[in-house]
Amino acid sequence: MKIKKYVVGMIGTNCYLVINEETKETVMVDPGAYPAKVKNAVKEQELKLKAVLLTHAHFDHIMGLSDVMEEVKVPVYVEEADLPMMTDGESNLSSAYVRGGYRFEEAVPVRDGQQLEIAGFQFRVIHTPGHTPGGCCYYMEQEGVLFSGDTLFQTSVGRSDFPGGSASELVRSVKEKLLVLPEETHVYPGHMDETTIGYEKLHNPFL
C-alpha cells in the first residue's frame, strides 16, 4: 500500500490517495478540490479509482466531487448522519463561498462499524460525531492506518462551533473510539501533519 497526500482547496484540506501498488486500484479520501496536480497524478500513474471516502460533509472536504465524477463514476461514501448536509449549502458551509451552495446528491450512506472492502483493502467506519453529526474515521486495521478527518489532529481536535457540533461529544468520540486503537496506529488527519495514536495520548492537550 502507498498513501499519497495532496493539500487541496481554499482551506488546505488533506486529500489522500490510498493506492494498491500491485493492482493500481485506488481509494480517494476527502476531495475538497480536484486540482490538476491530483488529476495528473492519477493519469500518469494509471491509477484506477474505485471509491471516494468522506470523513464528513463540510464543503472543504467535498467540493472536488463533481470534478472527480466527470473523470470516473465511483461510489462516494459518507456517514449517514451527514447525508443531509451533502445537499444543503447552509449546513455544509459552502453558501458563503459558492452562490447557491454546493450540492452532491449521489452519496451512499455508511454507518458505525461497517466494513468496506475496496481496492483489496478493508476500511472500518468509526462514527465520531462532534465536529459534525456524521463525522467519521476510516480505520485500516491490517495496515495500522486511520483517516481521522477533522475529528483528530496532531495535538488538537476539530472545531465544534459549527452547526451540529458538540465539544463534549467530540472529545468523547476521540477518547472512547480512537484512543483505544493501537498506539502505533498512524493517523492521517483532514488538515496539517500526520501523527500517531500513542503520540496524541501523551501530547494532545484537549484529551
N, C-alpha and C. Protein backbone atom coordinates (compact mmCIF):
# COMPACT_ATOMS: atom_id res chain seq x y z
N MET A 1 0.83 -1.20 0.00
CA MET A 1 0.00 0.00 0.00
C MET A 1 0.86 1.25 0.00
N LYS A 2 0.41 2.24 -0.74
CA LYS A 2 1.06 3.55 -0.72
C LYS A 2 -0.01 4.61 -0.49
N ILE A 3 0.31 5.58 0.36
CA ILE A 3 -0.60 6.69 0.63
C ILE A 3 0.05 7.98 0.17
N LYS A 4 -0.64 8.70 -0.70
CA LYS A 4 -0.15 9.98 -1.19
C LYS A 4 -1.07 11.09 -0.68
N LYS A 5 -0.46 12.14 -0.11
CA LYS A 5 -1.24 13.26 0.41
C LYS A 5 -1.10 14.47 -0.52
N TYR A 6 -2.25 15.11 -0.78
CA TYR A 6 -2.27 16.35 -1.56
C TYR A 6 -3.06 17.39 -0.77
N VAL A 7 -2.50 18.56 -0.60
CA VAL A 7 -3.20 19.64 0.10
C VAL A 7 -3.97 20.43 -0.96
N VAL A 8 -5.30 20.45 -0.81
CA VAL A 8 -6.15 20.99 -1.87
C VAL A 8 -7.16 21.99 -1.31
N GLY A 9 -7.69 22.81 -2.21
CA GLY A 9 -8.80 23.70 -1.86
C GLY A 9 -8.37 24.94 -1.11
N MET A 10 -9.35 25.79 -0.84
CA MET A 10 -9.09 27.12 -0.29
C MET A 10 -8.71 27.08 1.19
N ILE A 11 -8.94 25.96 1.87
CA ILE A 11 -8.63 25.89 3.30
C ILE A 11 -7.53 24.86 3.57
N GLY A 12 -6.89 24.39 2.53
CA GLY A 12 -5.77 23.48 2.72
C GLY A 12 -6.18 22.14 3.31
N THR A 13 -7.10 21.46 2.65
CA THR A 13 -7.58 20.16 3.10
C THR A 13 -6.65 19.06 2.59
N ASN A 14 -6.40 18.08 3.44
CA ASN A 14 -5.61 16.92 3.03
C ASN A 14 -6.50 15.94 2.27
N CYS A 15 -6.18 15.75 1.00
CA CYS A 15 -6.83 14.74 0.18
C CYS A 15 -5.83 13.59 0.02
N TYR A 16 -6.29 12.38 0.26
CA TYR A 16 -5.39 11.22 0.22
C TYR A 16 -5.77 10.26 -0.90
N LEU A 17 -4.75 9.69 -1.51
CA LEU A 17 -4.92 8.56 -2.42
C LEU A 17 -4.33 7.33 -1.74
N VAL A 18 -5.15 6.32 -1.55
CA VAL A 18 -4.72 5.06 -0.95
C VAL A 18 -4.57 4.07 -2.10
N ILE A 19 -3.34 3.71 -2.42
CA ILE A 19 -3.04 3.00 -3.66
C ILE A 19 -2.61 1.56 -3.38
N ASN A 20 -3.25 0.63 -4.04
CA ASN A 20 -2.80 -0.75 -4.07
C ASN A 20 -1.71 -0.83 -5.14
N GLU A 21 -0.48 -0.98 -4.73
CA GLU A 21 0.63 -0.90 -5.68
C GLU A 21 0.67 -2.07 -6.65
N GLU A 22 0.02 -3.18 -6.31
CA GLU A 22 0.01 -4.33 -7.21
C GLU A 22 -1.01 -4.15 -8.33
N THR A 23 -2.19 -3.64 -7.98
CA THR A 23 -3.27 -3.55 -8.97
C THR A 23 -3.51 -2.14 -9.49
N LYS A 24 -2.95 -1.14 -8.83
CA LYS A 24 -3.18 0.28 -9.13
C LYS A 24 -4.59 0.74 -8.74
N GLU A 25 -5.37 -0.15 -8.14
CA GLU A 25 -6.68 0.26 -7.65
C GLU A 25 -6.49 1.23 -6.49
N THR A 26 -7.32 2.28 -6.44
CA THR A 26 -7.09 3.40 -5.55
C THR A 26 -8.38 3.89 -4.90
N VAL A 27 -8.26 4.29 -3.65
CA VAL A 27 -9.36 4.92 -2.92
C VAL A 27 -8.95 6.36 -2.61
N MET A 28 -9.85 7.28 -2.85
CA MET A 28 -9.61 8.70 -2.55
C MET A 28 -10.35 9.08 -1.27
N VAL A 29 -9.69 9.83 -0.41
CA VAL A 29 -10.29 10.31 0.83
C VAL A 29 -10.37 11.83 0.80
N ASP A 30 -11.57 12.37 0.95
CA ASP A 30 -11.82 13.81 1.12
C ASP A 30 -11.29 14.69 -0.02
N PRO A 31 -11.91 14.61 -1.20
CA PRO A 31 -11.53 15.52 -2.28
C PRO A 31 -12.15 16.91 -2.11
N GLY A 32 -11.52 17.72 -1.29
CA GLY A 32 -12.00 19.09 -1.10
C GLY A 32 -11.92 19.90 -2.38
N ALA A 33 -11.06 19.47 -3.27
CA ALA A 33 -10.95 20.00 -4.62
C ALA A 33 -10.26 18.91 -5.44
N TYR A 34 -10.29 19.07 -6.76
CA TYR A 34 -9.63 18.09 -7.63
C TYR A 34 -8.75 18.84 -8.62
N PRO A 35 -7.66 19.42 -8.10
CA PRO A 35 -6.79 20.25 -8.95
C PRO A 35 -5.96 19.41 -9.91
N ALA A 36 -5.28 20.10 -10.81
CA ALA A 36 -4.51 19.41 -11.85
C ALA A 36 -3.45 18.49 -11.25
N LYS A 37 -2.85 18.87 -10.13
CA LYS A 37 -1.78 18.05 -9.57
C LYS A 37 -2.29 16.67 -9.15
N VAL A 38 -3.52 16.59 -8.68
CA VAL A 38 -4.09 15.30 -8.30
C VAL A 38 -4.56 14.55 -9.55
N LYS A 39 -5.24 15.27 -10.42
CA LYS A 39 -5.75 14.66 -11.65
C LYS A 39 -4.60 14.09 -12.48
N ASN A 40 -3.51 14.84 -12.59
CA ASN A 40 -2.36 14.38 -13.37
C ASN A 40 -1.70 13.17 -12.72
N ALA A 41 -1.64 13.16 -11.38
CA ALA A 41 -1.04 12.03 -10.68
C ALA A 41 -1.83 10.75 -10.97
N VAL A 42 -3.15 10.86 -10.97
CA VAL A 42 -3.99 9.70 -11.25
C VAL A 42 -3.73 9.19 -12.67
N LYS A 43 -3.66 10.11 -13.62
CA LYS A 43 -3.46 9.71 -15.02
C LYS A 43 -2.06 9.18 -15.27
N GLU A 44 -1.05 9.88 -14.77
CA GLU A 44 0.33 9.49 -15.04
C GLU A 44 0.69 8.15 -14.42
N GLN A 45 0.13 7.88 -13.24
CA GLN A 45 0.41 6.61 -12.58
C GLN A 45 -0.59 5.52 -12.97
N GLU A 46 -1.52 5.87 -13.87
CA GLU A 46 -2.53 4.92 -14.36
C GLU A 46 -3.31 4.29 -13.20
N LEU A 47 -3.70 5.12 -12.26
CA LEU A 47 -4.44 4.65 -11.11
C LEU A 47 -5.90 4.40 -11.49
N LYS A 48 -6.49 3.38 -10.86
CA LYS A 48 -7.87 3.00 -11.12
C LYS A 48 -8.70 3.36 -9.89
N LEU A 49 -9.33 4.53 -9.93
CA LEU A 49 -10.11 4.98 -8.78
C LEU A 49 -11.34 4.10 -8.61
N LYS A 50 -11.53 3.58 -7.37
CA LYS A 50 -12.62 2.66 -7.09
C LYS A 50 -13.68 3.24 -6.16
N ALA A 51 -13.33 4.22 -5.36
CA ALA A 51 -14.30 4.79 -4.43
C ALA A 51 -13.75 6.07 -3.83
N VAL A 52 -14.66 6.88 -3.28
CA VAL A 52 -14.30 8.07 -2.52
C VAL A 52 -14.88 7.92 -1.13
N LEU A 53 -14.04 8.13 -0.11
CA LEU A 53 -14.48 8.11 1.28
C LEU A 53 -14.49 9.53 1.82
N LEU A 54 -15.60 9.92 2.42
CA LEU A 54 -15.72 11.24 3.03
C LEU A 54 -15.73 11.10 4.54
N THR A 55 -14.87 11.86 5.21
CA THR A 55 -14.87 11.82 6.68
C THR A 55 -15.99 12.66 7.26
N HIS A 56 -16.47 13.63 6.50
CA HIS A 56 -17.66 14.41 6.88
C HIS A 56 -18.05 15.26 5.69
N ALA A 57 -19.12 16.03 5.82
CA ALA A 57 -19.71 16.68 4.66
C ALA A 57 -19.50 18.18 4.59
N HIS A 58 -18.53 18.73 5.30
CA HIS A 58 -18.23 20.16 5.13
C HIS A 58 -17.65 20.41 3.74
N PHE A 59 -17.90 21.62 3.22
CA PHE A 59 -17.56 21.94 1.84
C PHE A 59 -16.10 21.71 1.50
N ASP A 60 -15.21 21.97 2.46
CA ASP A 60 -13.78 21.88 2.15
C ASP A 60 -13.30 20.44 2.05
N HIS A 61 -14.21 19.49 2.23
CA HIS A 61 -13.86 18.08 2.06
C HIS A 61 -14.64 17.43 0.91
N ILE A 62 -15.57 18.15 0.31
CA ILE A 62 -16.43 17.51 -0.70
C ILE A 62 -16.48 18.23 -2.05
N MET A 63 -15.94 19.45 -2.13
CA MET A 63 -16.21 20.24 -3.33
C MET A 63 -15.46 19.80 -4.58
N GLY A 64 -14.58 18.81 -4.46
CA GLY A 64 -13.95 18.25 -5.65
C GLY A 64 -14.73 17.10 -6.26
N LEU A 65 -15.82 16.71 -5.61
CA LEU A 65 -16.53 15.51 -6.05
C LEU A 65 -17.04 15.62 -7.49
N SER A 66 -17.60 16.73 -7.85
CA SER A 66 -18.16 16.87 -9.20
C SER A 66 -17.08 16.71 -10.26
N ASP A 67 -15.90 17.27 -10.00
CA ASP A 67 -14.80 17.13 -10.97
C ASP A 67 -14.30 15.69 -11.02
N VAL A 68 -14.26 15.02 -9.88
CA VAL A 68 -13.85 13.61 -9.87
C VAL A 68 -14.84 12.79 -10.68
N MET A 69 -16.13 13.03 -10.49
CA MET A 69 -17.15 12.24 -11.18
C MET A 69 -17.17 12.48 -12.68
N GLU A 70 -16.65 13.63 -13.11
CA GLU A 70 -16.53 13.86 -14.55
C GLU A 70 -15.50 12.93 -15.17
N GLU A 71 -14.52 12.52 -14.35
CA GLU A 71 -13.47 11.63 -14.85
C GLU A 71 -13.90 10.17 -14.77
N VAL A 72 -14.53 9.79 -13.66
CA VAL A 72 -14.91 8.39 -13.46
C VAL A 72 -16.03 8.34 -12.43
N LYS A 73 -17.03 7.49 -12.69
CA LYS A 73 -18.15 7.32 -11.77
C LYS A 73 -17.81 6.22 -10.78
N VAL A 74 -17.70 6.60 -9.51
CA VAL A 74 -17.41 5.63 -8.45
C VAL A 74 -18.31 5.92 -7.26
N PRO A 75 -18.49 4.96 -6.36
CA PRO A 75 -19.29 5.23 -5.16
C PRO A 75 -18.61 6.27 -4.26
N VAL A 76 -19.43 7.12 -3.65
CA VAL A 76 -18.97 8.12 -2.70
C VAL A 76 -19.66 7.83 -1.38
N TYR A 77 -18.87 7.55 -0.34
CA TYR A 77 -19.43 7.14 0.94
C TYR A 77 -19.33 8.25 1.97
N VAL A 78 -20.41 8.43 2.76
CA VAL A 78 -20.44 9.40 3.84
C VAL A 78 -21.28 8.80 4.97
N GLU A 79 -20.92 9.10 6.22
CA GLU A 79 -21.68 8.57 7.34
C GLU A 79 -23.12 9.10 7.27
N GLU A 80 -24.07 8.24 7.60
CA GLU A 80 -25.48 8.52 7.32
C GLU A 80 -26.00 9.81 7.97
N ALA A 81 -25.47 10.19 9.12
CA ALA A 81 -25.96 11.40 9.78
C ALA A 81 -25.56 12.67 9.04
N ASP A 82 -24.53 12.59 8.20
CA ASP A 82 -24.11 13.75 7.41
C ASP A 82 -24.71 13.76 6.01
N LEU A 83 -25.48 12.75 5.67
CA LEU A 83 -26.05 12.69 4.32
C LEU A 83 -26.88 13.92 3.98
N PRO A 84 -27.73 14.45 4.89
CA PRO A 84 -28.49 15.65 4.54
C PRO A 84 -27.61 16.86 4.21
N MET A 85 -26.43 16.94 4.82
CA MET A 85 -25.54 18.07 4.57
C MET A 85 -25.00 18.09 3.14
N MET A 86 -24.97 16.93 2.50
CA MET A 86 -24.42 16.85 1.16
C MET A 86 -25.21 17.67 0.14
N THR A 87 -26.46 17.93 0.45
CA THR A 87 -27.30 18.68 -0.48
C THR A 87 -27.80 19.99 0.11
N ASP A 88 -27.17 20.45 1.17
CA ASP A 88 -27.59 21.68 1.84
C ASP A 88 -26.39 22.62 2.00
N GLY A 89 -26.36 23.65 1.18
CA GLY A 89 -25.24 24.57 1.18
C GLY A 89 -25.06 25.33 2.47
N GLU A 90 -26.14 25.50 3.22
CA GLU A 90 -26.02 26.19 4.51
C GLU A 90 -25.31 25.31 5.53
N SER A 91 -25.75 24.07 5.67
CA SER A 91 -25.16 23.21 6.69
C SER A 91 -23.78 22.69 6.30
N ASN A 92 -23.50 22.56 5.00
CA ASN A 92 -22.13 22.16 4.63
C ASN A 92 -21.19 23.36 4.47
N LEU A 93 -21.72 24.55 4.75
CA LEU A 93 -20.95 25.80 4.85
C LEU A 93 -20.44 26.32 3.51
N SER A 94 -20.93 25.77 2.41
CA SER A 94 -20.46 26.22 1.09
C SER A 94 -21.15 27.50 0.62
N SER A 95 -22.29 27.84 1.21
CA SER A 95 -23.05 29.00 0.72
C SER A 95 -22.27 30.30 0.85
N ALA A 96 -21.34 30.35 1.79
CA ALA A 96 -20.54 31.56 1.97
C ALA A 96 -19.51 31.72 0.85
N TYR A 97 -19.27 30.66 0.09
CA TYR A 97 -18.21 30.69 -0.93
C TYR A 97 -18.74 30.46 -2.34
N VAL A 98 -19.87 29.78 -2.47
CA VAL A 98 -20.43 29.44 -3.78
C VAL A 98 -21.87 29.90 -3.83
N ARG A 99 -22.22 30.68 -4.83
CA ARG A 99 -23.59 31.15 -4.95
C ARG A 99 -24.54 29.96 -5.06
N GLY A 100 -25.53 29.92 -4.19
CA GLY A 100 -26.47 28.81 -4.18
C GLY A 100 -25.99 27.60 -3.41
N GLY A 101 -24.74 27.61 -2.99
CA GLY A 101 -24.20 26.49 -2.23
C GLY A 101 -23.82 25.32 -3.11
N TYR A 102 -22.98 24.43 -2.56
CA TYR A 102 -22.55 23.24 -3.30
C TYR A 102 -23.41 22.06 -2.88
N ARG A 103 -23.82 21.27 -3.87
CA ARG A 103 -24.65 20.10 -3.62
C ARG A 103 -24.06 18.88 -4.32
N PHE A 104 -24.15 17.75 -3.65
CA PHE A 104 -23.81 16.47 -4.28
C PHE A 104 -24.85 15.46 -3.83
N GLU A 105 -25.58 14.90 -4.78
CA GLU A 105 -26.77 14.12 -4.44
C GLU A 105 -26.58 12.61 -4.56
N GLU A 106 -25.40 12.15 -4.87
CA GLU A 106 -25.23 10.72 -5.15
C GLU A 106 -24.45 9.97 -4.07
N ALA A 107 -24.29 10.56 -2.89
CA ALA A 107 -23.52 9.90 -1.85
C ALA A 107 -24.26 8.68 -1.30
N VAL A 108 -23.48 7.69 -0.89
CA VAL A 108 -24.01 6.45 -0.32
C VAL A 108 -23.78 6.48 1.19
N PRO A 109 -24.82 6.30 2.01
CA PRO A 109 -24.62 6.36 3.47
C PRO A 109 -23.96 5.09 4.01
N VAL A 110 -23.08 5.30 5.00
CA VAL A 110 -22.49 4.19 5.74
C VAL A 110 -22.73 4.46 7.22
N ARG A 111 -22.47 3.44 8.06
CA ARG A 111 -22.74 3.61 9.48
C ARG A 111 -21.61 3.00 10.31
N ASP A 112 -21.64 3.31 11.59
CA ASP A 112 -20.61 2.89 12.52
C ASP A 112 -20.42 1.37 12.49
N GLY A 113 -19.16 0.94 12.38
CA GLY A 113 -18.84 -0.47 12.39
C GLY A 113 -18.88 -1.14 11.03
N GLN A 114 -19.40 -0.46 10.04
CA GLN A 114 -19.49 -1.05 8.70
C GLN A 114 -18.11 -1.26 8.11
N GLN A 115 -17.91 -2.40 7.46
CA GLN A 115 -16.65 -2.72 6.81
C GLN A 115 -16.81 -2.52 5.30
N LEU A 116 -15.93 -1.72 4.72
CA LEU A 116 -15.91 -1.51 3.28
C LEU A 116 -14.69 -2.22 2.70
N GLU A 117 -14.92 -3.09 1.75
CA GLU A 117 -13.83 -3.79 1.08
C GLU A 117 -13.65 -3.17 -0.30
N ILE A 118 -12.57 -2.42 -0.45
CA ILE A 118 -12.33 -1.67 -1.68
C ILE A 118 -10.85 -1.76 -2.04
N ALA A 119 -10.57 -2.01 -3.30
CA ALA A 119 -9.19 -1.98 -3.83
C ALA A 119 -8.27 -2.96 -3.11
N GLY A 120 -8.83 -4.03 -2.59
CA GLY A 120 -8.02 -5.01 -1.88
C GLY A 120 -7.76 -4.65 -0.43
N PHE A 121 -8.39 -3.61 0.07
CA PHE A 121 -8.22 -3.16 1.45
C PHE A 121 -9.55 -3.23 2.20
N GLN A 122 -9.47 -3.24 3.52
CA GLN A 122 -10.66 -3.14 4.35
C GLN A 122 -10.62 -1.84 5.14
N PHE A 123 -11.71 -1.10 5.07
CA PHE A 123 -11.87 0.15 5.81
C PHE A 123 -13.04 -0.02 6.77
N ARG A 124 -12.79 0.16 8.07
CA ARG A 124 -13.88 0.10 9.04
C ARG A 124 -14.34 1.52 9.37
N VAL A 125 -15.63 1.75 9.28
CA VAL A 125 -16.21 3.05 9.59
C VAL A 125 -16.30 3.20 11.11
N ILE A 126 -15.73 4.27 11.63
CA ILE A 126 -15.84 4.59 13.05
C ILE A 126 -16.57 5.94 13.15
N HIS A 127 -17.80 5.92 13.62
CA HIS A 127 -18.59 7.14 13.74
C HIS A 127 -18.06 7.97 14.90
N THR A 128 -17.61 9.18 14.61
CA THR A 128 -17.02 10.05 15.64
C THR A 128 -17.68 11.42 15.60
N PRO A 129 -18.94 11.53 16.02
CA PRO A 129 -19.63 12.82 15.99
C PRO A 129 -18.98 13.84 16.92
N GLY A 130 -19.24 15.09 16.62
CA GLY A 130 -18.72 16.18 17.43
C GLY A 130 -18.32 17.37 16.57
N HIS A 131 -17.55 17.09 15.51
CA HIS A 131 -17.25 18.14 14.53
C HIS A 131 -18.48 18.36 13.65
N THR A 132 -19.05 17.27 13.18
CA THR A 132 -20.36 17.25 12.53
C THR A 132 -21.12 16.06 13.09
N PRO A 133 -22.44 16.02 12.90
CA PRO A 133 -23.20 14.87 13.42
C PRO A 133 -22.75 13.54 12.84
N GLY A 134 -22.33 13.55 11.59
CA GLY A 134 -21.92 12.32 10.93
C GLY A 134 -20.43 12.23 10.68
N GLY A 135 -19.64 12.95 11.44
CA GLY A 135 -18.20 12.83 11.29
C GLY A 135 -17.78 11.39 11.53
N CYS A 136 -16.83 10.92 10.74
CA CYS A 136 -16.38 9.54 10.94
C CYS A 136 -14.91 9.43 10.55
N CYS A 137 -14.32 8.33 10.98
CA CYS A 137 -12.95 7.99 10.61
C CYS A 137 -12.97 6.64 9.90
N TYR A 138 -11.94 6.37 9.13
CA TYR A 138 -11.82 5.10 8.43
C TYR A 138 -10.55 4.42 8.90
N TYR A 139 -10.73 3.23 9.47
CA TYR A 139 -9.63 2.51 10.10
C TYR A 139 -9.25 1.30 9.26
N MET A 140 -7.98 1.24 8.90
CA MET A 140 -7.44 0.09 8.18
C MET A 140 -6.61 -0.71 9.19
N GLU A 141 -7.25 -1.68 9.80
CA GLU A 141 -6.62 -2.39 10.91
C GLU A 141 -5.35 -3.12 10.50
N GLN A 142 -5.39 -3.83 9.39
CA GLN A 142 -4.23 -4.61 8.97
C GLN A 142 -3.03 -3.72 8.67
N GLU A 143 -3.29 -2.53 8.15
CA GLU A 143 -2.20 -1.62 7.80
C GLU A 143 -1.84 -0.68 8.94
N GLY A 144 -2.64 -0.65 10.01
CA GLY A 144 -2.37 0.24 11.12
C GLY A 144 -2.51 1.71 10.76
N VAL A 145 -3.58 2.03 10.01
CA VAL A 145 -3.77 3.38 9.48
C VAL A 145 -5.18 3.86 9.83
N LEU A 146 -5.27 5.14 10.21
CA LEU A 146 -6.56 5.78 10.49
C LEU A 146 -6.64 7.10 9.74
N PHE A 147 -7.71 7.28 8.96
CA PHE A 147 -8.00 8.57 8.35
C PHE A 147 -9.01 9.26 9.26
N SER A 148 -8.56 10.34 9.92
CA SER A 148 -9.34 10.91 11.03
C SER A 148 -10.14 12.15 10.65
N GLY A 149 -10.03 12.62 9.42
CA GLY A 149 -10.79 13.81 9.03
C GLY A 149 -10.53 14.97 9.95
N ASP A 150 -11.60 15.65 10.36
CA ASP A 150 -11.47 16.79 11.28
C ASP A 150 -11.85 16.41 12.71
N THR A 151 -11.77 15.11 13.02
CA THR A 151 -12.01 14.66 14.39
C THR A 151 -10.76 14.82 15.24
N LEU A 152 -9.64 14.30 14.75
CA LEU A 152 -8.39 14.31 15.50
C LEU A 152 -7.27 14.85 14.64
N PHE A 153 -6.56 15.85 15.19
CA PHE A 153 -5.37 16.41 14.54
C PHE A 153 -4.14 16.15 15.42
N GLN A 154 -2.98 16.51 14.89
CA GLN A 154 -1.77 16.45 15.70
C GLN A 154 -1.88 17.49 16.82
N THR A 155 -1.90 17.03 18.06
CA THR A 155 -2.03 17.84 19.29
C THR A 155 -3.26 18.75 19.28
N SER A 156 -4.33 18.32 18.59
CA SER A 156 -5.55 19.13 18.57
C SER A 156 -6.73 18.24 18.18
N VAL A 157 -7.91 18.84 18.22
CA VAL A 157 -9.11 18.17 17.73
C VAL A 157 -9.86 19.16 16.85
N GLY A 158 -10.90 18.69 16.19
CA GLY A 158 -11.64 19.54 15.28
C GLY A 158 -12.47 20.61 16.00
N ARG A 159 -12.89 21.59 15.24
CA ARG A 159 -13.77 22.62 15.77
C ARG A 159 -15.14 22.03 16.07
N SER A 160 -15.80 22.62 17.04
CA SER A 160 -17.14 22.15 17.39
C SER A 160 -18.15 23.29 17.43
N ASP A 161 -17.78 24.44 16.87
CA ASP A 161 -18.65 25.61 16.93
C ASP A 161 -19.49 25.79 15.67
N PHE A 162 -19.44 24.83 14.75
CA PHE A 162 -20.29 24.88 13.58
C PHE A 162 -21.65 24.24 13.91
N PRO A 163 -22.68 24.51 13.10
CA PRO A 163 -23.99 23.88 13.35
C PRO A 163 -23.86 22.36 13.44
N GLY A 164 -24.46 21.79 14.47
CA GLY A 164 -24.41 20.35 14.67
C GLY A 164 -23.20 19.86 15.42
N GLY A 165 -22.30 20.78 15.80
CA GLY A 165 -21.09 20.40 16.51
C GLY A 165 -21.30 20.34 18.01
N SER A 166 -20.44 19.59 18.68
CA SER A 166 -20.51 19.48 20.14
C SER A 166 -19.13 19.16 20.67
N ALA A 167 -18.57 20.05 21.50
CA ALA A 167 -17.23 19.84 22.03
C ALA A 167 -17.17 18.59 22.91
N SER A 168 -18.14 18.42 23.76
CA SER A 168 -18.12 17.26 24.66
C SER A 168 -18.26 15.96 23.87
N GLU A 169 -19.11 15.98 22.86
CA GLU A 169 -19.29 14.78 22.04
C GLU A 169 -18.02 14.46 21.25
N LEU A 170 -17.35 15.50 20.77
CA LEU A 170 -16.12 15.31 20.00
C LEU A 170 -15.03 14.67 20.86
N VAL A 171 -14.81 15.22 22.04
CA VAL A 171 -13.78 14.68 22.92
C VAL A 171 -14.13 13.25 23.33
N ARG A 172 -15.41 13.00 23.59
CA ARG A 172 -15.83 11.64 23.94
C ARG A 172 -15.60 10.68 22.77
N SER A 173 -15.87 11.13 21.56
CA SER A 173 -15.62 10.29 20.39
C SER A 173 -14.16 9.89 20.30
N VAL A 174 -13.27 10.88 20.49
CA VAL A 174 -11.84 10.60 20.38
C VAL A 174 -11.39 9.66 21.49
N LYS A 175 -11.80 9.94 22.71
CA LYS A 175 -11.34 9.13 23.85
C LYS A 175 -11.86 7.70 23.79
N GLU A 176 -13.14 7.56 23.45
CA GLU A 176 -13.77 6.24 23.53
C GLU A 176 -13.59 5.40 22.27
N LYS A 177 -13.37 6.06 21.11
CA LYS A 177 -13.33 5.30 19.87
C LYS A 177 -11.97 5.31 19.17
N LEU A 178 -11.16 6.33 19.43
CA LEU A 178 -9.87 6.41 18.74
C LEU A 178 -8.70 6.07 19.64
N LEU A 179 -8.70 6.56 20.86
CA LEU A 179 -7.56 6.31 21.74
C LEU A 179 -7.47 4.86 22.18
N VAL A 180 -8.51 4.07 21.91
CA VAL A 180 -8.47 2.64 22.22
C VAL A 180 -7.77 1.84 21.12
N LEU A 181 -7.46 2.48 20.01
CA LEU A 181 -6.75 1.80 18.92
C LEU A 181 -5.29 1.62 19.32
N PRO A 182 -4.57 0.71 18.67
CA PRO A 182 -3.15 0.51 18.99
C PRO A 182 -2.36 1.81 18.91
N GLU A 183 -1.44 2.00 19.83
CA GLU A 183 -0.70 3.26 19.90
C GLU A 183 0.12 3.54 18.65
N GLU A 184 0.52 2.49 17.95
CA GLU A 184 1.34 2.68 16.75
C GLU A 184 0.51 3.04 15.52
N THR A 185 -0.82 3.11 15.68
CA THR A 185 -1.69 3.46 14.55
C THR A 185 -1.30 4.82 13.99
N HIS A 186 -1.06 4.87 12.70
CA HIS A 186 -0.66 6.11 12.03
C HIS A 186 -1.91 6.88 11.63
N VAL A 187 -2.00 8.13 12.07
CA VAL A 187 -3.20 8.95 11.87
C VAL A 187 -2.97 9.95 10.75
N TYR A 188 -3.84 9.90 9.75
CA TYR A 188 -3.81 10.85 8.63
C TYR A 188 -5.01 11.79 8.78
N PRO A 189 -4.80 13.02 9.25
CA PRO A 189 -5.92 13.93 9.54
C PRO A 189 -6.36 14.73 8.31
N GLY A 190 -7.47 15.46 8.49
CA GLY A 190 -8.02 16.26 7.40
C GLY A 190 -7.25 17.53 7.11
N HIS A 191 -6.43 17.97 8.04
CA HIS A 191 -5.60 19.16 7.86
C HIS A 191 -4.28 18.95 8.61
N MET A 192 -3.27 19.61 8.16
CA MET A 192 -1.97 19.63 8.84
C MET A 192 -1.28 18.26 8.79
N ASP A 193 -0.40 18.00 9.77
CA ASP A 193 0.53 16.88 9.66
C ASP A 193 -0.01 15.60 10.29
N GLU A 194 0.64 14.48 9.90
CA GLU A 194 0.27 13.17 10.43
C GLU A 194 0.74 13.03 11.88
N THR A 195 0.17 12.03 12.55
CA THR A 195 0.54 11.76 13.93
C THR A 195 0.29 10.29 14.21
N THR A 196 0.37 9.88 15.46
CA THR A 196 0.03 8.51 15.86
C THR A 196 -0.89 8.58 17.08
N ILE A 197 -1.59 7.50 17.32
CA ILE A 197 -2.47 7.43 18.49
C ILE A 197 -1.63 7.57 19.77
N GLY A 198 -0.49 6.90 19.82
CA GLY A 198 0.36 6.98 21.00
C GLY A 198 0.85 8.38 21.29
N TYR A 199 1.22 9.11 20.24
CA TYR A 199 1.68 10.49 20.42
C TYR A 199 0.56 11.36 20.97
N GLU A 200 -0.66 11.17 20.47
CA GLU A 200 -1.78 12.00 20.93
C GLU A 200 -2.15 11.68 22.38
N LYS A 201 -2.02 10.44 22.78
CA LYS A 201 -2.27 10.10 24.18
C LYS A 201 -1.36 10.87 25.11
N LEU A 202 -0.13 11.10 24.68
CA LEU A 202 0.85 11.77 25.53
C LEU A 202 0.81 13.29 25.42
N HIS A 203 0.48 13.81 24.23
CA HIS A 203 0.74 15.23 23.97
C HIS A 203 -0.49 16.08 23.61
N ASN A 204 -1.66 15.47 23.42
CA ASN A 204 -2.80 16.26 22.99
C ASN A 204 -3.46 16.96 24.18
N PRO A 205 -3.40 18.28 24.26
CA PRO A 205 -3.91 18.99 25.44
C PRO A 205 -5.43 18.94 25.57
N PHE A 206 -6.13 18.61 24.48
CA PHE A 206 -7.58 18.57 24.53
C PHE A 206 -8.10 17.25 25.11
N LEU A 207 -7.19 16.29 25.29
CA LEU A 207 -7.62 14.97 25.73
C LEU A 207 -7.14 14.65 27.14
